[in-house]
Amino acid sequence: MSETDDTGEIDMTIDTEVIDLDGDGVADAVVETTTTVIDLDGDGVADVVQETTTTAIDVDGDGEVDIIDETTITAVDVDGDGEFSEDEIEVEETTAVREDLLDEG
């Protein structure tokens, strides 16, 4: 068996959705989802799956992003059983809000 027979694969997909809520032709929200699937050992079964969704929202309609939310879900098959158990999945979320919007509350 040559070294290339056991090489892994990475598959990445990026989907972007632009949303114009008020119909003025200017994006009010943009949602980008990046999905990465990694087969480390080349057996055809995903060892790592990561999905990151980033949402940028223009709340006041001025054309500038006011809120950015990013959620990343990562699953790693640590024990190599071909399945992702609950303890092999991690979720991280970060939200950034324009400071002057927080002061108005």
PDB file of N, CA and C in Angstrom:
ATOM      1  N   MET A   1       0.852  -1.173   0.000  1.00  0.00           N
ATOM      2  CA  MET A   1       0.000   0.000   0.000  1.00  0.00           C
ATOM      3  C   MET A   1       0.897   1.234   0.000  1.00  0.00           C
ATOM      4  N   SER A   2       0.628   2.153  -0.909  1.00  0.00           N
ATOM      5  CA  SER A   2       1.422   3.374  -0.970  1.00  0.00           C
ATOM      6  C   SER A   2       0.880   4.397   0.017  1.00  0.00           C
ATOM      7  N   GLU A   3       1.682   5.426   0.268  1.00  0.00           N
ATOM      8  CA  GLU A   3       1.250   6.463   1.202  1.00  0.00           C
ATOM      9  C   GLU A   3       0.009   7.196   0.711  1.00  0.00           C
ATOM     10  N   THR A   4      -0.168   7.310  -0.582  1.00  0.00           N
ATOM     11  CA  THR A   4      -1.318   8.047  -1.112  1.00  0.00           C
ATOM     12  C   THR A   4      -2.634   7.301  -0.937  1.00  0.00           C
ATOM     13  N   ASP A   5      -2.594   5.993  -0.671  1.00  0.00           N
ATOM     14  CA  ASP A   5      -3.822   5.238  -0.454  1.00  0.00           C
ATOM     15  C   ASP A   5      -4.535   5.639   0.839  1.00  0.00           C
ATOM     16  N   ASP A   6      -3.796   6.150   1.814  1.00  0.00           N
ATOM     17  CA  ASP A   6      -4.376   6.499   3.109  1.00  0.00           C
ATOM     18  C   ASP A   6      -4.515   8.002   3.307  1.00  0.00           C
ATOM     19  N   THR A   7      -4.563   8.775   2.239  1.00  0.00           N
ATOM     20  CA  THR A   7      -4.677  10.218   2.404  1.00  0.00           C
ATOM     21  C   THR A   7      -6.107  10.618   2.690  1.00  0.00           C
ATOM     22  N   GLY A   8      -6.256  11.655   3.494  1.00  0.00           N
ATOM     23  CA  GLY A   8      -7.577  12.146   3.851  1.00  0.00           C
ATOM     24  C   GLY A   8      -8.106  13.113   2.814  1.00  0.00           C
ATOM     25  N   GLU A   9      -9.317  13.584   3.060  1.00  0.00           N
ATOM     26  CA  GLU A   9      -9.974  14.537   2.163  1.00  0.00           C
ATOM     27  C   GLU A   9     -10.633  15.633   2.975  1.00  0.00           C
ATOM     28  N   ILE A  10     -10.676  16.826   2.377  1.00  0.00           N
ATOM     29  CA  ILE A  10     -11.387  17.953   2.975  1.00  0.00           C
ATOM     30  C   ILE A  10     -12.396  18.444   1.952  1.00  0.00           C
ATOM     31  N   ASP A  11     -13.631  18.602   2.372  1.00  0.00           N
ATOM     32  CA  ASP A  11     -14.688  19.122   1.510  1.00  0.00           C
ATOM     33  C   ASP A  11     -15.264  20.345   2.201  1.00  0.00           C
ATOM     34  N   MET A  12     -15.282  21.477   1.484  1.00  0.00           N
ATOM     35  CA  MET A  12     -15.796  22.710   2.072  1.00  0.00           C
ATOM     36  C   MET A  12     -16.876  23.296   1.166  1.00  0.00           C
ATOM     37  N   THR A  13     -17.966  23.707   1.795  1.00  0.00           N
ATOM     38  CA  THR A  13     -19.079  24.325   1.076  1.00  0.00           C
ATOM     39  C   THR A  13     -19.390  25.658   1.735  1.00  0.00           C
ATOM     40  N   ILE A  14     -19.554  26.705   0.912  1.00  0.00           N
ATOM     41  CA  ILE A  14     -19.916  28.023   1.429  1.00  0.00           C
ATOM     42  C   ILE A  14     -21.212  28.453   0.747  1.00  0.00           C
ATOM     43  N   ASP A  15     -22.232  28.724   1.560  1.00  0.00           N
ATOM     44  CA  ASP A  15     -23.521  29.202   1.063  1.00  0.00           C
ATOM     45  C   ASP A  15     -23.742  30.610   1.602  1.00  0.00           C
ATOM     46  N   THR A  16     -24.169  31.515   0.730  1.00  0.00           N
ATOM     47  CA  THR A  16     -24.438  32.889   1.144  1.00  0.00           C
ATOM     48  C   THR A  16     -25.859  33.266   0.736  1.00  0.00           C
ATOM     49  N   GLU A  17     -26.584  33.859   1.679  1.00  0.00           N
ATOM     50  CA  GLU A  17     -27.939  34.322   1.422  1.00  0.00           C
ATOM     51  C   GLU A  17     -28.018  35.808   1.757  1.00  0.00           C
ATOM     52  N   VAL A  18     -28.461  36.608   0.801  1.00  0.00           N
ATOM     53  CA  VAL A  18     -28.632  38.046   1.008  1.00  0.00           C
ATOM     54  C   VAL A  18     -30.130  38.311   1.128  1.00  0.00           C
ATOM     55  N   ILE A  19     -30.515  39.035   2.186  1.00  0.00           N
ATOM     56  CA  ILE A  19     -31.930  39.261   2.469  1.00  0.00           C
ATOM     57  C   ILE A  19     -32.222  40.763   2.469  1.00  0.00           C
ATOM     58  N   ASP A  20     -33.190  41.179   1.645  1.00  0.00           N
ATOM     59  CA  ASP A  20     -33.659  42.559   1.592  1.00  0.00           C
ATOM     60  C   ASP A  20     -35.064  42.564   2.173  1.00  0.00           C
ATOM     61  N   LEU A  21     -35.183  42.878   3.443  1.00  0.00           N
ATOM     62  CA  LEU A  21     -36.474  42.802   4.133  1.00  0.00           C
ATOM     63  C   LEU A  21     -37.468  43.872   3.698  1.00  0.00           C
ATOM     64  N   ASP A  22     -36.988  45.076   3.453  1.00  0.00           N
ATOM     65  CA  ASP A  22     -37.896  46.182   3.156  1.00  0.00           C
ATOM     66  C   ASP A  22     -38.052  46.480   1.666  1.00  0.00           C
ATOM     67  N   GLY A  23     -37.387  45.719   0.811  1.00  0.00           N
ATOM     68  CA  GLY A  23     -37.564  45.858  -0.631  1.00  0.00           C
ATOM     69  C   GLY A  23     -36.924  47.079  -1.255  1.00  0.00           C
ATOM     70  N   ASP A  24     -35.974  47.718  -0.553  1.00  0.00           N
ATOM     71  CA  ASP A  24     -35.346  48.920  -1.106  1.00  0.00           C
ATOM     72  C   ASP A  24     -34.120  48.621  -1.973  1.00  0.00           C
ATOM     73  N   GLY A  25     -33.807  47.335  -2.162  1.00  0.00           N
ATOM     74  CA  GLY A  25     -32.663  46.959  -2.987  1.00  0.00           C
ATOM     75  C   GLY A  25     -31.342  46.914  -2.243  1.00  0.00           C
ATOM     76  N   VAL A  26     -31.355  47.239  -0.964  1.00  0.00           N
ATOM     77  CA  VAL A  26     -30.145  47.200  -0.128  1.00  0.00           C
ATOM     78  C   VAL A  26     -30.286  46.046   0.851  1.00  0.00           C
ATOM     79  N   ALA A  27     -29.223  45.264   0.981  1.00  0.00           N
ATOM     80  CA  ALA A  27     -29.254  44.105   1.889  1.00  0.00           C
ATOM     81  C   ALA A  27     -29.469  44.547   3.328  1.00  0.00           C
ATOM     82  N   ASP A  28     -30.442  43.925   3.984  1.00  0.00           N
ATOM     83  CA  ASP A  28     -30.682  44.172   5.401  1.00  0.00           C
ATOM     84  C   ASP A  28     -30.004  43.109   6.267  1.00  0.00           C
ATOM     85  N   ALA A  29     -29.759  41.956   5.678  1.00  0.00           N
ATOM     86  CA  ALA A  29     -29.067  40.879   6.388  1.00  0.00           C
ATOM     87  C   ALA A  29     -28.336  40.012   5.368  1.00  0.00           C
ATOM     88  N   VAL A  30     -27.202  39.502   5.794  1.00  0.00           N
ATOM     89  CA  VAL A  30     -26.437  38.558   4.989  1.00  0.00           C
ATOM     90  C   VAL A  30     -26.103  37.381   5.895  1.00  0.00           C
ATOM     91  N   VAL A  31     -26.406  36.166   5.420  1.00  0.00           N
ATOM     92  CA  VAL A  31     -26.127  34.958   6.189  1.00  0.00           C
ATOM     93  C   VAL A  31     -25.180  34.101   5.362  1.00  0.00           C
ATOM     94  N   GLU A  32     -24.016  33.796   5.947  1.00  0.00           N
ATOM     95  CA  GLU A  32     -23.037  32.940   5.268  1.00  0.00           C
ATOM     96  C   GLU A  32     -22.806  31.702   6.126  1.00  0.00           C
ATOM     97  N   THR A  33     -22.953  30.537   5.508  1.00  0.00           N
ATOM     98  CA  THR A  33     -22.737  29.277   6.212  1.00  0.00           C
ATOM     99  C   THR A  33     -21.600  28.531   5.525  1.00  0.00           C
ATOM    100  N   THR A  34     -20.588  28.214   6.310  1.00  0.00           N
ATOM    101  CA  THR A  34     -19.447  27.451   5.808  1.00  0.00           C
ATOM    102  C   THR A  34     -19.448  26.090   6.489  1.00  0.00           C
ATOM    103  N   THR A  35     -19.487  25.038   5.681  1.00  0.00           N
ATOM    104  CA  THR A  35     -19.465  23.679   6.208  1.00  0.00           C
ATOM    105  C   THR A  35     -18.199  22.997   5.723  1.00  0.00           C
ATOM    106  N   THR A  36     -17.433  22.458   6.673  1.00  0.00           N
ATOM    107  CA  THR A  36     -16.200  21.746   6.360  1.00  0.00           C
ATOM    108  C   THR A  36     -16.313  20.321   6.878  1.00  0.00           C
ATOM    109  N   VAL A  37     -16.051  19.361   6.004  1.00  0.00           N
ATOM    110  CA  VAL A  37     -16.070  17.944   6.375  1.00  0.00           C
ATOM    111  C   VAL A  37     -14.674  17.397   6.094  1.00  0.00           C
ATOM    112  N   ILE A  38     -14.062  16.791   7.106  1.00  0.00           N
ATOM    113  CA  ILE A  38     -12.698  16.285   6.974  1.00  0.00           C
ATOM    114  C   ILE A  38     -12.667  14.785   7.275  1.00  0.00           C
ATOM    115  N   ASP A  39     -12.125  14.035   6.337  1.00  0.00           N
ATOM    116  CA  ASP A  39     -11.860  12.607   6.513  1.00  0.00           C
ATOM    117  C   ASP A  39     -10.351  12.487   6.696  1.00  0.00           C
ATOM    118  N   LEU A  40      -9.901  12.407   7.929  1.00  0.00           N
ATOM    119  CA  LEU A  40      -8.466  12.421   8.223  1.00  0.00           C
ATOM    120  C   LEU A  40      -7.725  11.178   7.747  1.00  0.00           C
ATOM    121  N   ASP A  41      -8.349  10.019   7.884  1.00  0.00           N
ATOM    122  CA  ASP A  41      -7.649   8.766   7.607  1.00  0.00           C
ATOM    123  C   ASP A  41      -7.972   8.157   6.252  1.00  0.00           C
ATOM    124  N   GLY A  42      -8.820   8.805   5.457  1.00  0.00           N
ATOM    125  CA  GLY A  42      -9.100   8.326   4.110  1.00  0.00           C
ATOM    126  C   GLY A  42     -10.014   7.122   4.021  1.00  0.00           C
ATOM    127  N   ASP A  43     -10.773   6.838   5.091  1.00  0.00           N
ATOM    128  CA  ASP A  43     -11.651   5.668   5.067  1.00  0.00           C
ATOM    129  C   ASP A  43     -13.045   5.979   4.522  1.00  0.00           C
ATOM    130  N   GLY A  44     -13.278   7.228   4.108  1.00  0.00           N
ATOM    131  CA  GLY A  44     -14.566   7.610   3.558  1.00  0.00           C
ATOM    132  C   GLY A  44     -15.588   8.031   4.588  1.00  0.00           C
ATOM    133  N   VAL A  45     -15.220   8.043   5.866  1.00  0.00           N
ATOM    134  CA  VAL A  45     -16.111   8.442   6.945  1.00  0.00           C
ATOM    135  C   VAL A  45     -15.581   9.742   7.546  1.00  0.00           C
ATOM    136  N   ALA A  46     -16.461  10.727   7.721  1.00  0.00           N
ATOM    137  CA  ALA A  46     -16.050  12.018   8.270  1.00  0.00           C
ATOM    138  C   ALA A  46     -15.532  11.865   9.691  1.00  0.00           C
ATOM    139  N   ASP A  47     -14.352  12.436   9.932  1.00  0.00           N
ATOM    140  CA  ASP A  47     -13.760  12.442  11.277  1.00  0.00           C
ATOM    141  C   ASP A  47     -14.010  13.777  11.979  1.00  0.00           C
ATOM    142  N   VAL A  48     -14.133  14.841  11.187  1.00  0.00           N
ATOM    143  CA  VAL A  48     -14.385  16.177  11.718  1.00  0.00           C
ATOM    144  C   VAL A  48     -15.424  16.846  10.824  1.00  0.00           C
ATOM    145  N   VAL A  49     -16.432  17.443  11.455  1.00  0.00           N
ATOM    146  CA  VAL A  49     -17.408  18.253  10.724  1.00  0.00           C
ATOM    147  C   VAL A  49     -17.522  19.573  11.474  1.00  0.00           C
ATOM    148  N   GLN A  50     -17.380  20.673  10.727  1.00  0.00           N
ATOM    149  CA  GLN A  50     -17.516  21.992  11.354  1.00  0.00           C
ATOM    150  C   GLN A  50     -18.416  22.858  10.484  1.00  0.00           C
ATOM    151  N   GLU A  51     -19.395  23.495  11.128  1.00  0.00           N
ATOM    152  CA  GLU A  51     -20.284  24.410  10.424  1.00  0.00           C
ATOM    153  C   GLU A  51     -20.270  25.746  11.142  1.00  0.00           C
ATOM    154  N   THR A  52     -19.969  26.801  10.400  1.00  0.00           N
ATOM    155  CA  THR A  52     -19.970  28.151  10.954  1.00  0.00           C
ATOM    156  C   THR A  52     -20.996  28.979  10.198  1.00  0.00           C
ATOM    157  N   THR A  53     -21.903  29.588  10.948  1.00  0.00           N
ATOM    158  CA  THR A  53     -22.902  30.472  10.357  1.00  0.00           C
ATOM    159  C   THR A  53     -22.662  31.876  10.888  1.00  0.00           C
ATOM    160  N   THR A  54     -22.433  32.802   9.952  1.00  0.00           N
ATOM    161  CA  THR A  54     -22.219  34.198  10.296  1.00  0.00           C
ATOM    162  C   THR A  54     -23.372  35.005   9.722  1.00  0.00           C
ATOM    163  N   THR A  55     -24.016  35.795  10.593  1.00  0.00           N
ATOM    164  CA  THR A  55     -25.142  36.619  10.181  1.00  0.00           C
ATOM    165  C   THR A  55     -24.804  38.076  10.465  1.00  0.00           C
ATOM    166  N   ALA A  56     -24.880  38.910   9.432  1.00  0.00           N
ATOM    167  CA  ALA A  56     -24.663  40.351   9.575  1.00  0.00           C
ATOM    168  C   ALA A  56     -26.000  41.046   9.314  1.00  0.00           C
ATOM    169  N   ILE A  57     -26.400  41.924  10.248  1.00  0.00           N
ATOM    170  CA  ILE A  57     -27.720  42.550  10.164  1.00  0.00           C
ATOM    171  C   ILE A  57     -27.592  44.067  10.261  1.00  0.00           C
ATOM    172  N   ASP A  58     -28.286  44.753   9.346  1.00  0.00           N
ATOM    173  CA  ASP A  58     -28.411  46.211   9.374  1.00  0.00           C
ATOM    174  C   ASP A  58     -29.778  46.514   9.979  1.00  0.00           C
ATOM    175  N   VAL A  59     -29.807  46.845  11.260  1.00  0.00           N
ATOM    176  CA  VAL A  59     -31.054  47.027  11.985  1.00  0.00           C
ATOM    177  C   VAL A  59     -31.778  48.316  11.585  1.00  0.00           C
ATOM    178  N   ASP A  60     -31.032  49.406  11.432  1.00  0.00           N
ATOM    179  CA  ASP A  60     -31.651  50.710  11.206  1.00  0.00           C
ATOM    180  C   ASP A  60     -31.742  51.129   9.739  1.00  0.00           C
ATOM    181  N   GLY A  61     -31.312  50.271   8.816  1.00  0.00           N
ATOM    182  CA  GLY A  61     -31.472  50.540   7.394  1.00  0.00           C
ATOM    183  C   GLY A  61     -30.540  51.571   6.804  1.00  0.00           C
ATOM    184  N   ASP A  62     -29.441  51.887   7.504  1.00  0.00           N
ATOM    185  CA  ASP A  62     -28.508  52.892   6.981  1.00  0.00           C
ATOM    186  C   ASP A  62     -27.419  52.308   6.075  1.00  0.00           C
ATOM    187  N   GLY A  63     -27.477  51.005   5.818  1.00  0.00           N
ATOM    188  CA  GLY A  63     -26.491  50.373   4.957  1.00  0.00           C
ATOM    189  C   GLY A  63     -25.242  49.901   5.674  1.00  0.00           C
ATOM    190  N   GLU A  64     -25.164  50.109   6.973  1.00  0.00           N
ATOM    191  CA  GLU A  64     -24.024  49.676   7.783  1.00  0.00           C
ATOM    192  C   GLU A  64     -24.454  48.527   8.695  1.00  0.00           C
ATOM    193  N   VAL A  65     -23.579  47.556   8.844  1.00  0.00           N
ATOM    194  CA  VAL A  65     -23.879  46.405   9.699  1.00  0.00           C
ATOM    195  C   VAL A  65     -23.925  46.842  11.162  1.00  0.00           C
ATOM    196  N   ASP A  66     -25.002  46.469  11.856  1.00  0.00           N
ATOM    197  CA  ASP A  66     -25.176  46.827  13.262  1.00  0.00           C
ATOM    198  C   ASP A  66     -24.928  45.650  14.203  1.00  0.00           C
ATOM    199  N   ILE A  67     -25.245  44.439  13.751  1.00  0.00           N
ATOM    200  CA  ILE A  67     -25.104  43.245  14.579  1.00  0.00           C
ATOM    201  C   ILE A  67     -24.456  42.149  13.745  1.00  0.00           C
ATOM    202  N   ILE A  68     -23.493  41.485  14.347  1.00  0.00           N
ATOM    203  CA  ILE A  68     -22.877  40.309  13.717  1.00  0.00           C
ATOM    204  C   ILE A  68     -22.974  39.167  14.715  1.00  0.00           C
ATOM    205  N   ASP A  69     -23.542  38.068  14.269  1.00  0.00           N
ATOM    206  CA  ASP A  69     -23.655  36.879  15.102  1.00  0.00           C
ATOM    207  C   ASP A  69     -22.936  35.736  14.393  1.00  0.00           C
ATOM    208  N   GLU A  70     -22.107  35.012  15.139  1.00  0.00           N
ATOM    209  CA  GLU A  70     -21.397  33.869  14.552  1.00  0.00           C
ATOM    210  C   GLU A  70     -21.565  32.663  15.466  1.00  0.00           C
ATOM    211  N   THR A  71     -22.030  31.571  14.872  1.00  0.00           N
ATOM    212  CA  THR A  71     -22.186  30.316  15.604  1.00  0.00           C
ATOM    213  C   THR A  71     -21.367  29.245  14.899  1.00  0.00           C
ATOM    214  N   THR A  72     -20.533  28.552  15.672  1.00  0.00           N
ATOM    215  CA  THR A  72     -19.717  27.474  15.126  1.00  0.00           C
ATOM    216  C   THR A  72     -20.018  26.193  15.888  1.00  0.00           C
ATOM    217  N   ILE A  73     -20.340  25.155  15.123  1.00  0.00           N
ATOM    218  CA  ILE A  73     -20.575  23.833  15.688  1.00  0.00           C
ATOM    219  C   ILE A  73     -19.471  22.928  15.148  1.00  0.00           C
ATOM    220  N   THR A  74     -18.735  22.294  16.059  1.00  0.00           N
ATOM    221  CA  THR A  74     -17.640  21.411  15.670  1.00  0.00           C
ATOM    222  C   THR A  74     -17.869  20.032  16.273  1.00  0.00           C
ATOM    223  N   ALA A  75     -17.797  19.014  15.414  1.00  0.00           N
ATOM    224  CA  ALA A  75     -17.925  17.629  15.873  1.00  0.00           C
ATOM    225  C   ALA A  75     -16.660  16.888  15.454  1.00  0.00           C
ATOM    226  N   VAL A  76     -16.046  16.211  16.414  1.00  0.00           N
ATOM    227  CA  VAL A  76     -14.819  15.454  16.161  1.00  0.00           C
ATOM    228  C   VAL A  76     -15.016  14.038  16.686  1.00  0.00           C
ATOM    229  N   ASP A  77     -14.885  13.055  15.806  1.00  0.00           N
ATOM    230  CA  ASP A  77     -15.022  11.646  16.194  1.00  0.00           C
ATOM    231  C   ASP A  77     -13.717  11.201  16.846  1.00  0.00           C
ATOM    232  N   VAL A  78     -13.559  11.551  18.115  1.00  0.00           N
ATOM    233  CA  VAL A  78     -12.320  11.295  18.851  1.00  0.00           C
ATOM    234  C   VAL A  78     -12.059   9.801  19.015  1.00  0.00           C
ATOM    235  N   ASP A  79     -13.103   9.033  19.301  1.00  0.00           N
ATOM    236  CA  ASP A  79     -12.904   7.602  19.570  1.00  0.00           C
ATOM    237  C   ASP A  79     -12.892   6.746  18.302  1.00  0.00           C
ATOM    238  N   GLY A  80     -13.144   7.369  17.135  1.00  0.00           N
ATOM    239  CA  GLY A  80     -13.025   6.646  15.866  1.00  0.00           C
ATOM    240  C   GLY A  80     -14.117   5.630  15.591  1.00  0.00           C
ATOM    241  N   ASP A  81     -15.276   5.761  16.264  1.00  0.00           N
ATOM    242  CA  ASP A  81     -16.350   4.780  16.058  1.00  0.00           C
ATOM    243  C   ASP A  81     -17.258   5.115  14.876  1.00  0.00           C
ATOM    244  N   GLY A  82     -16.965   6.214  14.181  1.00  0.00           N
ATOM    245  CA  GLY A  82     -17.763   6.593  13.012  1.00  0.00           C
ATOM    246  C   GLY A  82     -19.005   7.394  13.335  1.00  0.00           C
ATOM    247  N   GLU A  83     -19.199   7.723  14.607  1.00  0.00           N
ATOM    248  CA  GLU A  83     -20.355   8.506  15.031  1.00  0.00           C
ATOM    249  C   GLU A  83     -19.902   9.630  15.947  1.00  0.00           C
ATOM    250  N   PHE A  84     -20.678  10.705  15.964  1.00  0.00           N
ATOM    251  CA  PHE A  84     -20.384  11.829  16.850  1.00  0.00           C
ATOM    252  C   PHE A  84     -21.280  11.736  18.074  1.00  0.00           C
ATOM    253  N   SER A  85     -20.695  11.423  19.212  1.00  0.00           N
ATOM    254  CA  SER A  85     -21.484  11.370  20.445  1.00  0.00           C
ATOM    255  C   SER A  85     -21.565  12.779  21.026  1.00  0.00           C
ATOM    256  N   GLU A  86     -22.445  12.951  21.993  1.00  0.00           N
ATOM    257  CA  GLU A  86     -22.707  14.264  22.566  1.00  0.00           C
ATOM    258  C   GLU A  86     -21.440  14.938  23.104  1.00  0.00           C
ATOM    259  N   ASP A  87     -20.534  14.167  23.697  1.00  0.00           N
ATOM    260  CA  ASP A  87     -19.319  14.754  24.257  1.00  0.00           C
ATOM    261  C   ASP A  87     -18.257  15.064  23.198  1.00  0.00           C
ATOM    262  N   GLU A  88     -18.544  14.744  21.933  1.00  0.00           N
ATOM    263  CA  GLU A  88     -17.623  15.042  20.844  1.00  0.00           C
ATOM    264  C   GLU A  88     -18.090  16.249  20.016  1.00  0.00           C
ATOM    265  N   ILE A  89     -19.109  16.964  20.508  1.00  0.00           N
ATOM    266  CA  ILE A  89     -19.677  18.107  19.796  1.00  0.00           C
ATOM    267  C   ILE A  89     -19.550  19.353  20.666  1.00  0.00           C
ATOM    268  N   GLU A  90     -19.074  20.443  20.041  1.00  0.00           N
ATOM    269  CA  GLU A  90     -18.901  21.706  20.754  1.00  0.00           C
ATOM    270  C   GLU A  90     -19.607  22.815  19.977  1.00  0.00           C
ATOM    271  N   VAL A  91     -20.300  23.700  20.699  1.00  0.00           N
ATOM    272  CA  VAL A  91     -20.997  24.830  20.079  1.00  0.00           C
ATOM    273  C   VAL A  91     -20.442  26.111  20.688  1.00  0.00           C
ATOM    274  N   GLU A  92     -20.048  27.053  19.810  1.00  0.00           N
ATOM    275  CA  GLU A  92     -19.561  28.358  20.252  1.00  0.00           C
ATOM    276  C   GLU A  92     -20.390  29.437  19.560  1.00  0.00           C
ATOM    277  N   GLU A  93     -20.780  30.466  20.313  1.00  0.00           N
ATOM    278  CA  GLU A  93     -21.527  31.567  19.710  1.00  0.00           C
ATOM    279  C   GLU A  93     -20.946  32.893  20.180  1.00  0.00           C
ATOM    280  N   THR A  94     -20.808  33.813  19.233  1.00  0.00           N
ATOM    281  CA  THR A  94     -20.314  35.153  19.525  1.00  0.00           C
ATOM    282  C   THR A  94     -21.246  36.148  18.852  1.00  0.00           C
ATOM    283  N   THR A  95     -21.629  37.192  19.590  1.00  0.00           N
ATOM    284  CA  THR A  95     -22.464  38.240  19.028  1.00  0.00           C
ATOM    285  C   THR A  95     -21.814  39.581  19.304  1.00  0.00           C
ATOM    286  N   ALA A  96     -21.702  40.392  18.255  1.00  0.00           N
ATOM    287  CA  ALA A  96     -21.161  41.747  18.385  1.00  0.00           C
ATOM    288  C   ALA A  96     -22.262  42.722  17.977  1.00  0.00           C
ATOM    289  N   VAL A  97     -22.487  43.732  18.832  1.00  0.00           N
ATOM    290  CA  VAL A  97     -23.520  44.731  18.573  1.00  0.00           C
ATOM    291  C   VAL A  97     -22.860  46.103  18.597  1.00  0.00           C
ATOM    292  N   ARG A  98     -23.240  46.941  17.626  1.00  0.00           N
ATOM    293  CA  ARG A  98     -22.705  48.296  17.581  1.00  0.00           C
ATOM    294  C   ARG A  98     -22.973  48.976  18.919  1.00  0.00           C
ATOM    295  N   GLU A  99     -21.959  49.607  19.490  1.00  0.00           N
ATOM    296  CA  GLU A  99     -22.028  50.139  20.847  1.00  0.00           C
ATOM    297  C   GLU A  99     -23.161  51.140  21.053  1.00  0.00           C
ATOM    298  N   ASP A 100     -23.405  52.016  20.095  1.00  0.00           N
ATOM    299  CA  ASP A 100     -24.452  53.019  20.283  1.00  0.00           C
ATOM    300  C   ASP A 100     -25.852  52.403  20.327  1.00  0.00           C
ATOM    301  N   LEU A 101     -26.029  51.211  19.765  1.00  0.00           N
ATOM    302  CA  LEU A 101     -27.309  50.521  19.888  1.00  0.00           C
ATOM    303  C   LEU A 101     -27.531  50.010  21.304  1.00  0.00           C
ATOM    304  N   LEU A 102     -26.456  49.615  21.963  1.00  0.00           N
ATOM    305  CA  LEU A 102     -26.573  49.160  23.353  1.00  0.00           C
ATOM    306  C   LEU A 102     -26.921  50.295  24.289  1.00  0.00           C
ATOM    307  N   ASP A 103     -26.405  51.504  24.019  1.00  0.00           N
ATOM    308  CA  ASP A 103     -26.652  52.661  24.875  1.00  0.00           C
ATOM    309  C   ASP A 103     -28.090  53.130  24.813  1.00  0.00           C
ATOM    310  N   GLU A 104     -28.798  52.849  23.698  1.00  0.00           N
ATOM    311  CA  GLU A 104     -30.168  53.326  23.535  1.00  0.00           C
ATOM    312  C   GLU A 104     -31.163  52.549  24.393  1.00  0.00           C
ATOM    313  N   GLY A 105     -30.817  51.295  24.805  1.00  0.00           N
ATOM    314  CA  GLY A 105     -31.713  50.383  25.464  1.00  0.00           C
ATOM    315  C   GLY A 105     -32.369  50.844  26.671  1.00  0.00           C
TER     316      GLY A 105
END
